[in-house]
Protein backbone atom coordinates (compact mmCIF):
# COMPACT_ATOMS: atom_id res chain seq x y z
CA UNK A 1 159.04 90.41 112.52
CA UNK A 2 161.52 92.74 114.27
CA UNK A 3 161.23 93.17 118.01
CA UNK A 4 160.99 96.55 119.72
CA UNK A 5 164.44 97.45 121.01
CA UNK A 6 164.43 98.06 124.76
CA UNK A 7 166.16 101.23 125.95
CA UNK A 8 168.44 99.49 128.45
CA UNK A 9 171.95 100.18 129.77
CA UNK A 10 173.08 96.91 128.16
CA UNK A 11 171.85 97.97 124.71
CA UNK A 12 173.41 101.40 125.21
CA UNK A 13 176.80 99.79 125.89
CA UNK A 14 176.50 97.81 122.66
CA UNK A 15 175.41 100.96 120.85
CA UNK A 16 178.49 102.87 122.01
CA UNK A 17 180.72 100.31 120.32
CA UNK A 18 179.02 100.87 116.96
CA UNK A 19 177.80 104.49 117.03
CA UNK A 20 181.05 105.74 118.54
CA UNK A 21 183.10 104.98 115.42
CA UNK A 22 180.16 105.54 113.03
CA UNK A 23 181.22 107.75 110.09
CA UNK A 24 177.96 109.75 110.29
CA UNK A 25 177.54 110.06 114.08
CA UNK A 26 180.62 112.06 115.15
CA UNK A 27 181.06 114.39 112.15
CA UNK A 28 177.41 115.47 112.45
CA UNK A 29 177.70 115.86 116.24
CA UNK A 30 174.57 113.76 116.75
CA UNK A 31 175.53 113.23 120.39
CA UNK A 32 174.49 116.87 120.91
CA UNK A 33 170.90 116.27 119.77
CA UNK A 34 168.26 114.16 121.46
CA UNK A 35 168.05 111.23 121.75
CA UNK A 36 171.89 111.31 121.60
CA UNK A 37 172.29 107.59 120.72
CA UNK A 38 170.53 104.21 120.61
CA UNK A 39 168.40 105.53 117.77
CA UNK A 40 166.93 102.09 117.02
CA UNK A 41 165.20 102.22 120.41
CA UNK A 42 164.70 105.96 120.89
CA UNK A 43 163.98 107.25 117.39
CA UNK A 44 165.83 109.50 114.98
CA UNK A 45 167.97 112.46 115.92
CA UNK A 46 166.27 115.79 116.50
CA UNK A 47 168.94 117.40 114.32
CA UNK A 48 167.18 118.40 111.08
CA UNK A 49 167.68 115.72 108.45
CA UNK A 50 168.81 118.27 105.87
CA UNK A 51 171.69 119.19 108.21
CA UNK A 52 172.98 115.62 108.53
CA UNK A 53 175.59 114.56 106.01
CA UNK A 54 175.34 110.80 105.43
CA UNK A 55 178.87 109.42 105.59
CA UNK A 56 177.98 105.76 106.06
CA UNK A 57 176.28 103.57 108.65
CA UNK A 58 177.48 101.00 111.18
CA UNK A 59 173.96 99.81 112.07
CA UNK A 60 174.00 96.77 109.76
CA UNK A 61 176.91 95.31 111.74
CA UNK A 62 175.55 96.24 115.20
CA UNK A 63 174.72 93.50 117.67
CA UNK A 64 171.56 95.36 118.79
CA UNK A 65 170.23 95.22 115.22
CA UNK A 66 171.03 91.52 115.02
CA UNK A 67 169.65 90.69 118.49
CA UNK A 68 166.25 92.22 117.73
CA UNK A 69 165.83 91.22 114.08
CA UNK A 70 166.02 94.77 112.72
CA UNK A 71 166.76 95.46 109.08
CA UNK A 72 168.24 98.48 107.39
CA UNK A 73 170.11 101.15 109.23
CA UNK A 74 170.56 104.90 109.42
CA UNK A 75 168.18 104.96 112.39
CA UNK A 76 169.75 108.28 113.43
CA UNK A 77 168.53 109.89 110.20
CA UNK A 78 165.37 107.97 109.32
CA UNK A 79 164.15 106.58 112.63
CA UNK A 80 162.45 103.26 113.06
CA UNK A 81 159.97 102.10 110.44
């Protein structure tokens, strides 16, 4: 069973390493919409889903995902299930 991801500075630092170069994050300017990052802890972006072009996902390789037993990805678009 996946653990809830804590919204901590440590997890945010890990997130920056994976979301920063994410092919979907920057082109869609998701940093300009709440929650800005660490979507696996904070929930999906407030940018309307139909305005986000999916260009790929770095979540499956992220250490936060691995550390908390999460599966899937695209937390910025789909949130946490």
